[in-house]
Amino acid sequence: MELHDVWFVLIAVLWIGYFFLEGFDFGVGILTKLLARDRPERRVLINTVGPVWDGNEVWLLSAGGATFAAFPEWYATLFSGFYLPLLLILVCLIVRGVAFEYRAKRPEENWQRNWEHAIFWTSLLPAFLWGVAFGNIVHGVKIDQDFEYVGTVGDLLNPYALLGGLVTLTLFTFHGAVFTALKTVGDIRRRARKLATKVGLLTAVSALVFLLWTQIDSGDGKSLVALVVAVAALVAALVANQAGREGWSFALSGLTIVAAVTMLFLTLFPNVMPSSLNADWNLTVTNASSSPYTLKIMTWCAAIATPVVMVYQGWTYWVFRKRIGTQHLAEPAH
């Protein structure tokens, strides 16, 4: 296996890790409107992801940085062609982080309510837009012979990509609901499980249609295995949720994300960004990659730094592993 193939796999792993981890805190942000009934319950939901949301975004930074260094042609075409949706995602992530930090800085009702609105919308929009973006990457976009995107923003809003956005939105919401059930106690835990069942059924239908469409369009035997694993894991997650086994349900919903994203990258390889205009203009792991020397240096750096980051993040989750409820909330400092 060549180094550019290795880095394609590593970038896929980074995106899988990002969607697994950021997926549930996007879902929790969406649930602040769909599940929480009052401000204390919204505080509980926010507190479940408070210690970890910023660490989850490290995976996105790593995926973007690795793409820039390992596949600069892919990075350039992707970020120039998808400029507006990616800018919107970036703005949402910035506002979302500010909302988490500033929501409780002042006691006024309007102040806190406005930041809570921001948390909801800046969780919902990226959850949808990431699916749209990856749907276009897998399905192919208008790339010319110079490897430049020549389409419009409207071209990105095609049925396949929009269905991909619906899948990530519902899947992340389901993932967040089972995470909420795992991390909370009392009535909010029971309602989270009930909501997870409803959202999970919608997720199952949309995901099955999207993955079958992907398989028929560009799949092979390996992607079919990933499809079966994703569907089976989602069904098992629903069963575990109904049985009150929140830990199993969360692990299985996470496996659904892992298998589904794996399938997308399997159907993509050896391309990194197919051209819908001419297959000869596809960006591949070969024509989009950096030099072998650059990839070699990157591999050594990743081998040293990645285990340290993963151990630290795992320790963070262990420290904040206990369930919480409204009775555990501290009195406001104001």
Protein backbone atom coordinates (compact mmCIF):
# COMPACT_ATOMS: atom_id res chain seq x y z
CA MET A 1 0.00 0.00 0.00
CA GLU A 2 1.36 3.39 -1.05
CA LEU A 3 1.58 6.27 1.42
CA HIS A 4 -1.15 8.21 -0.37
CA ASP A 5 -3.45 5.21 0.15
CA VAL A 6 -2.50 5.14 3.83
CA TRP A 7 -3.36 8.82 4.19
CA PHE A 8 -6.69 8.34 2.45
CA VAL A 9 -7.50 5.72 5.10
CA LEU A 10 -6.26 7.97 7.91
CA ILE A 11 -8.38 10.89 6.70
CA ALA A 12 -11.37 8.56 6.53
CA VAL A 13 -10.69 7.52 10.14
CA LEU A 14 -10.52 11.15 11.22
CA TRP A 15 -13.88 11.92 9.59
CA ILE A 16 -15.40 8.80 11.14
CA GLY A 17 -14.14 9.88 14.57
CA TYR A 18 -15.47 13.39 14.04
CA PHE A 19 -18.95 12.28 13.02
CA PHE A 20 -19.10 9.72 15.85
CA LEU A 21 -18.16 12.28 18.52
CA GLU A 22 -19.46 15.57 17.16
CA GLY A 23 -22.55 13.74 15.94
CA PHE A 24 -23.93 13.19 19.41
CA ASP A 25 -23.20 16.72 20.61
CA PHE A 26 -24.88 18.12 17.49
CA GLY A 27 -27.78 15.88 18.43
CA VAL A 28 -27.82 17.15 22.01
CA GLY A 29 -27.83 20.73 20.74
CA ILE A 30 -30.86 19.95 18.58
CA LEU A 31 -32.58 18.29 21.55
CA THR A 32 -32.38 21.50 23.59
CA LYS A 33 -35.53 22.47 21.65
CA LEU A 34 -37.05 19.06 20.91
CA LEU A 35 -36.66 17.43 24.32
CA ALA A 36 -35.99 19.98 27.07
CA ARG A 37 -39.13 21.50 28.61
CA ASP A 38 -37.57 24.33 30.58
CA ARG A 39 -34.29 26.11 31.27
CA PRO A 40 -33.02 23.63 33.94
CA GLU A 41 -33.48 20.74 31.52
CA ARG A 42 -31.67 22.66 28.80
CA ARG A 43 -28.85 23.23 31.27
CA VAL A 44 -28.71 19.49 31.89
CA LEU A 45 -28.47 18.75 28.19
CA ILE A 46 -25.77 21.35 27.65
CA ASN A 47 -23.85 20.04 30.66
CA THR A 48 -23.77 16.52 29.21
CA VAL A 49 -21.54 17.75 26.37
CA GLY A 50 -19.99 20.76 28.13
CA PRO A 51 -16.70 19.03 29.03
CA VAL A 52 -16.21 17.34 25.64
CA TRP A 53 -17.67 19.33 22.75
CA ASP A 54 -14.48 21.32 22.10
CA GLY A 55 -12.34 18.16 22.17
CA ASN A 56 -14.66 16.55 19.64
CA GLU A 57 -13.92 19.36 17.18
CA VAL A 58 -10.21 18.50 17.28
CA TRP A 59 -11.09 15.65 14.91
CA LEU A 60 -12.42 18.13 12.36
CA LEU A 61 -9.30 20.29 12.60
CA SER A 62 -7.14 17.20 12.18
CA ALA A 63 -9.14 15.99 9.18
CA GLY A 64 -8.92 19.40 7.50
CA GLY A 65 -5.22 19.77 8.25
CA ALA A 66 -4.43 16.26 7.04
CA THR A 67 -6.35 16.86 3.81
CA PHE A 68 -4.49 20.15 3.24
CA ALA A 69 -1.08 18.53 3.75
CA ALA A 70 -1.63 15.09 2.19
CA PHE A 71 -3.95 15.99 -0.70
CA PRO A 72 -3.55 19.72 -1.47
CA GLU A 73 -5.35 19.45 -4.83
CA TRP A 74 -8.36 17.86 -3.14
CA TYR A 75 -8.32 20.52 -0.43
CA ALA A 76 -8.12 23.36 -2.96
CA THR A 77 -10.95 22.07 -5.16
CA LEU A 78 -13.15 21.14 -2.21
CA PHE A 79 -12.84 24.41 -0.31
CA SER A 80 -13.12 26.62 -3.38
CA GLY A 81 -16.10 24.75 -4.82
CA PHE A 82 -17.91 24.31 -1.51
CA TYR A 83 -16.92 27.73 -0.20
CA LEU A 84 -20.35 29.01 0.86
CA PRO A 85 -21.66 25.87 2.64
CA LEU A 86 -18.32 25.29 4.36
CA LEU A 87 -18.19 28.94 5.41
CA LEU A 88 -21.69 28.59 6.85
CA ILE A 89 -20.59 25.51 8.79
CA LEU A 90 -17.54 27.37 10.09
CA VAL A 91 -19.65 30.34 11.23
CA CYS A 92 -22.06 27.96 12.95
CA LEU A 93 -19.23 26.22 14.80
CA ILE A 94 -17.81 29.57 15.94
CA VAL A 95 -21.17 30.88 17.15
CA ARG A 96 -21.94 27.54 18.78
CA GLY A 97 -18.74 27.61 20.80
CA VAL A 98 -19.40 31.19 21.89
CA ALA A 99 -22.96 30.23 22.85
CA PHE A 100 -21.77 27.40 25.08
CA GLU A 101 -19.33 29.71 26.86
CA TYR A 102 -21.44 32.89 27.11
CA ARG A 103 -24.96 31.55 27.73
CA ALA A 104 -24.57 31.63 31.52
CA LYS A 105 -22.47 34.81 31.76
CA ARG A 106 -25.51 36.99 32.46
CA PRO A 107 -28.78 36.25 34.30
CA GLU A 108 -31.21 38.05 31.97
CA GLU A 109 -33.92 35.87 30.42
CA ASN A 110 -33.46 37.27 26.91
CA TRP A 111 -29.70 36.83 27.04
CA GLN A 112 -29.85 33.14 27.93
CA ARG A 113 -32.78 32.41 25.62
CA ASN A 114 -31.01 33.94 22.61
CA TRP A 115 -27.87 31.90 23.19
CA GLU A 116 -29.99 28.76 23.55
CA HIS A 117 -31.61 29.53 20.19
CA ALA A 118 -28.09 29.87 18.78
CA ILE A 119 -27.07 26.46 20.17
CA PHE A 120 -30.08 24.83 18.51
CA TRP A 121 -29.64 26.35 15.06
CA THR A 122 -25.84 26.06 14.99
CA SER A 123 -26.20 22.37 15.82
CA LEU A 124 -28.98 21.68 13.31
CA LEU A 125 -27.44 23.44 10.30
CA PRO A 126 -23.99 21.74 10.38
CA ALA A 127 -25.65 18.37 11.04
CA PHE A 128 -27.57 18.82 7.78
CA LEU A 129 -24.85 20.52 5.73
CA TRP A 130 -22.18 17.90 6.42
CA GLY A 131 -24.46 15.30 4.85
CA VAL A 132 -25.04 17.54 1.83
CA ALA A 133 -21.29 18.10 1.44
CA PHE A 134 -20.34 14.41 1.65
CA GLY A 135 -23.24 13.47 -0.60
CA ASN A 136 -21.80 15.70 -3.31
CA ILE A 137 -18.25 14.45 -2.76
CA VAL A 138 -19.33 10.83 -3.21
CA HIS A 139 -21.83 11.43 -6.02
CA GLY A 140 -19.52 13.68 -8.03
CA VAL A 141 -19.46 17.39 -8.86
CA LYS A 142 -18.63 19.55 -11.85
CA ILE A 143 -14.82 19.48 -12.03
CA ASP A 144 -13.08 20.49 -15.25
CA GLN A 145 -9.79 19.37 -16.81
CA ASP A 146 -7.87 21.76 -14.55
CA PHE A 147 -9.39 20.11 -11.46
CA GLU A 148 -11.41 23.22 -10.69
CA TYR A 149 -15.04 23.24 -9.60
CA VAL A 150 -17.13 24.94 -12.29
CA GLY A 151 -20.61 24.41 -10.89
CA THR A 152 -22.78 26.66 -8.74
CA VAL A 153 -24.11 26.47 -5.21
CA GLY A 154 -27.44 25.36 -6.67
CA ASP A 155 -25.76 22.31 -8.21
CA LEU A 156 -24.85 21.15 -4.72
CA LEU A 157 -28.52 21.05 -3.72
CA ASN A 158 -29.35 17.93 -5.75
CA PRO A 159 -31.73 15.19 -4.50
CA TYR A 160 -28.97 12.74 -3.53
CA ALA A 161 -27.07 15.33 -1.49
CA LEU A 162 -30.23 16.65 0.19
CA LEU A 163 -31.15 13.10 1.17
CA GLY A 164 -27.63 12.74 2.59
CA GLY A 165 -28.26 15.88 4.65
CA LEU A 166 -31.51 14.44 5.97
CA VAL A 167 -29.71 11.22 6.93
CA THR A 168 -26.96 12.96 8.90
CA LEU A 169 -29.48 15.27 10.56
CA THR A 170 -31.73 12.44 11.75
CA LEU A 171 -28.84 10.08 12.56
CA PHE A 172 -27.03 12.68 14.67
CA THR A 173 -30.28 13.54 16.44
CA PHE A 174 -30.86 9.86 17.22
CA HIS A 175 -27.23 9.50 18.34
CA GLY A 176 -27.68 12.53 20.60
CA ALA A 177 -30.93 11.17 22.05
CA VAL A 178 -29.38 7.85 23.08
CA PHE A 179 -26.37 9.74 24.47
CA THR A 180 -28.77 11.89 26.51
CA ALA A 181 -30.50 8.78 27.83
CA LEU A 182 -27.09 7.37 28.75
CA LYS A 183 -25.95 10.53 30.56
CA THR A 184 -29.09 11.64 32.42
CA VAL A 185 -31.45 10.44 35.16
CA GLY A 186 -35.13 10.76 35.89
CA ASP A 187 -37.87 11.92 33.58
CA ILE A 188 -35.57 13.46 30.99
CA ARG A 189 -33.87 10.07 30.57
CA ARG A 190 -37.19 8.34 29.90
CA ARG A 191 -38.31 11.00 27.44
CA ALA A 192 -34.96 10.82 25.64
CA ARG A 193 -35.42 7.10 25.10
CA LYS A 194 -38.95 7.64 23.81
CA LEU A 195 -37.83 10.36 21.41
CA ALA A 196 -34.88 8.22 20.28
CA THR A 197 -37.32 5.54 19.13
CA LYS A 198 -39.31 8.00 17.01
CA VAL A 199 -36.26 9.66 15.48
CA GLY A 200 -34.56 6.28 15.01
CA LEU A 201 -37.41 4.97 12.86
CA LEU A 202 -37.20 8.03 10.60
CA THR A 203 -33.43 7.59 10.47
CA ALA A 204 -33.75 3.94 9.49
CA VAL A 205 -35.98 4.74 6.51
CA SER A 206 -33.92 7.65 5.17
CA ALA A 207 -30.57 5.91 5.77
CA LEU A 208 -31.70 2.71 4.04
CA VAL A 209 -32.81 4.64 0.95
CA PHE A 210 -29.60 6.72 0.86
CA LEU A 211 -27.23 3.79 1.37
CA LEU A 212 -29.02 1.63 -1.19
CA TRP A 213 -28.87 4.51 -3.68
CA THR A 214 -25.13 4.80 -2.99
CA GLN A 215 -24.60 1.07 -3.38
CA ILE A 216 -26.47 0.91 -6.68
CA ASP A 217 -24.70 4.01 -7.99
CA SER A 218 -21.07 3.18 -7.16
CA GLY A 219 -20.85 0.31 -4.67
CA ASP A 220 -19.05 -3.02 -4.67
CA GLY A 221 -18.79 -6.05 -2.40
CA LYS A 222 -16.92 -4.23 0.37
CA SER A 223 -19.36 -1.34 0.47
CA LEU A 224 -22.26 -3.81 0.56
CA VAL A 225 -20.81 -5.36 3.72
CA ALA A 226 -20.55 -1.89 5.30
CA LEU A 227 -24.16 -1.17 4.29
CA VAL A 228 -25.39 -4.36 5.96
CA VAL A 229 -23.41 -3.56 9.12
CA ALA A 230 -24.81 -0.01 9.24
CA VAL A 231 -28.43 -1.12 8.85
CA ALA A 232 -28.07 -4.02 11.29
CA ALA A 233 -26.39 -1.78 13.88
CA LEU A 234 -29.15 0.83 13.59
CA VAL A 235 -31.88 -1.77 14.07
CA ALA A 236 -29.99 -3.24 17.04
CA ALA A 237 -29.59 0.26 18.51
CA LEU A 238 -33.36 0.75 18.35
CA VAL A 239 -33.95 -2.61 20.04
CA ALA A 240 -31.41 -1.84 22.78
CA ASN A 241 -33.00 1.57 23.32
CA GLN A 242 -36.43 -0.01 23.74
CA ALA A 243 -34.94 -2.43 26.26
CA GLY A 244 -33.43 0.41 28.29
CA ARG A 245 -29.84 -0.62 27.51
CA GLU A 246 -28.55 2.89 26.86
CA GLY A 247 -24.88 1.93 26.75
CA TRP A 248 -25.45 -0.69 24.07
CA SER A 249 -27.78 1.62 22.16
CA PHE A 250 -25.17 4.40 22.11
CA ALA A 251 -22.39 2.02 21.02
CA LEU A 252 -24.58 0.61 18.24
CA SER A 253 -25.71 4.03 17.02
CA GLY A 254 -22.03 4.95 16.91
CA LEU A 255 -21.32 1.77 14.94
CA THR A 256 -24.02 2.84 12.49
CA ILE A 257 -22.14 6.10 11.87
CA VAL A 258 -18.81 4.28 11.57
CA ALA A 259 -20.17 1.76 9.05
CA ALA A 260 -22.10 4.35 7.01
CA VAL A 261 -19.14 6.74 6.67
CA THR A 262 -16.85 3.78 5.93
CA MET A 263 -19.20 2.80 3.11
CA LEU A 264 -19.01 6.30 1.63
CA PHE A 265 -15.21 6.25 1.61
CA LEU A 266 -15.16 2.72 0.16
CA THR A 267 -17.34 3.82 -2.74
CA LEU A 268 -15.15 6.91 -3.19
CA PHE A 269 -11.72 5.19 -3.35
CA PRO A 270 -9.46 5.54 -5.34
CA ASN A 271 -11.10 8.87 -6.13
CA VAL A 272 -11.15 11.66 -3.60
CA MET A 273 -13.50 13.88 -5.60
CA PRO A 274 -15.11 12.48 -8.77
CA SER A 275 -15.97 14.71 -11.71
CA SER A 276 -19.53 14.47 -13.00
CA LEU A 277 -18.38 15.95 -16.32
CA ASN A 278 -15.68 13.47 -17.32
CA ALA A 279 -14.21 10.51 -15.43
CA ASP A 280 -10.76 11.44 -16.76
CA TRP A 281 -10.99 14.63 -14.67
CA ASN A 282 -11.54 12.82 -11.38
CA LEU A 283 -9.33 13.82 -8.48
CA THR A 284 -7.71 10.62 -7.21
CA VAL A 285 -5.37 9.64 -4.40
CA THR A 286 -2.58 9.72 -6.98
CA ASN A 287 -3.05 13.01 -8.82
CA ALA A 288 -4.20 14.96 -5.75
CA SER A 289 -1.53 13.86 -3.26
CA SER A 290 1.59 15.55 -1.93
CA SER A 291 5.09 14.26 -2.59
CA PRO A 292 6.18 10.93 -1.01
CA TYR A 293 8.66 12.80 1.21
CA THR A 294 5.90 15.04 2.60
CA LEU A 295 3.68 12.04 3.27
CA LYS A 296 6.56 10.25 4.99
CA ILE A 297 7.19 13.17 7.39
CA MET A 298 3.46 13.44 8.08
CA THR A 299 3.26 9.74 8.89
CA TRP A 300 5.97 9.99 11.55
CA CYS A 301 4.32 13.06 13.11
CA ALA A 302 0.91 11.36 13.16
CA ALA A 303 2.34 8.19 14.69
CA ILE A 304 3.72 10.20 17.63
CA ALA A 305 0.92 12.73 18.21
CA THR A 306 -2.25 10.73 17.55
CA PRO A 307 -1.97 8.25 20.45
CA VAL A 308 -1.34 11.11 22.90
CA VAL A 309 -4.45 12.99 21.75
CA MET A 310 -6.62 9.87 21.88
CA VAL A 311 -5.46 8.93 25.39
CA TYR A 312 -6.12 12.44 26.68
CA GLN A 313 -9.58 12.58 25.10
CA GLY A 314 -10.44 9.13 26.45
CA TRP A 315 -9.39 10.27 29.92
CA THR A 316 -11.69 13.29 29.63
CA TYR A 317 -14.68 11.06 28.88
CA TRP A 318 -13.78 8.82 31.81
CA VAL A 319 -13.60 11.72 34.27
CA PHE A 320 -17.02 13.05 33.20
CA ARG A 321 -18.70 9.66 32.83
CA LYS A 322 -21.42 10.00 35.52
CA ARG A 323 -25.10 10.69 34.86
CA ILE A 324 -26.58 14.06 35.72
CA GLY A 325 -30.03 15.53 36.29
CA THR A 326 -31.67 18.77 37.32
CA GLN A 327 -30.94 17.95 40.98
CA HIS A 328 -27.21 18.11 40.22
CA LEU A 329 -27.28 21.66 38.84
CA ALA A 330 -25.40 24.27 40.82
CA GLU A 331 -27.09 27.53 41.71
CA PRO A 332 -26.29 30.34 39.22
CA ALA A 333 -23.39 32.50 40.31
CA HIS A 334 -25.28 35.72 39.50
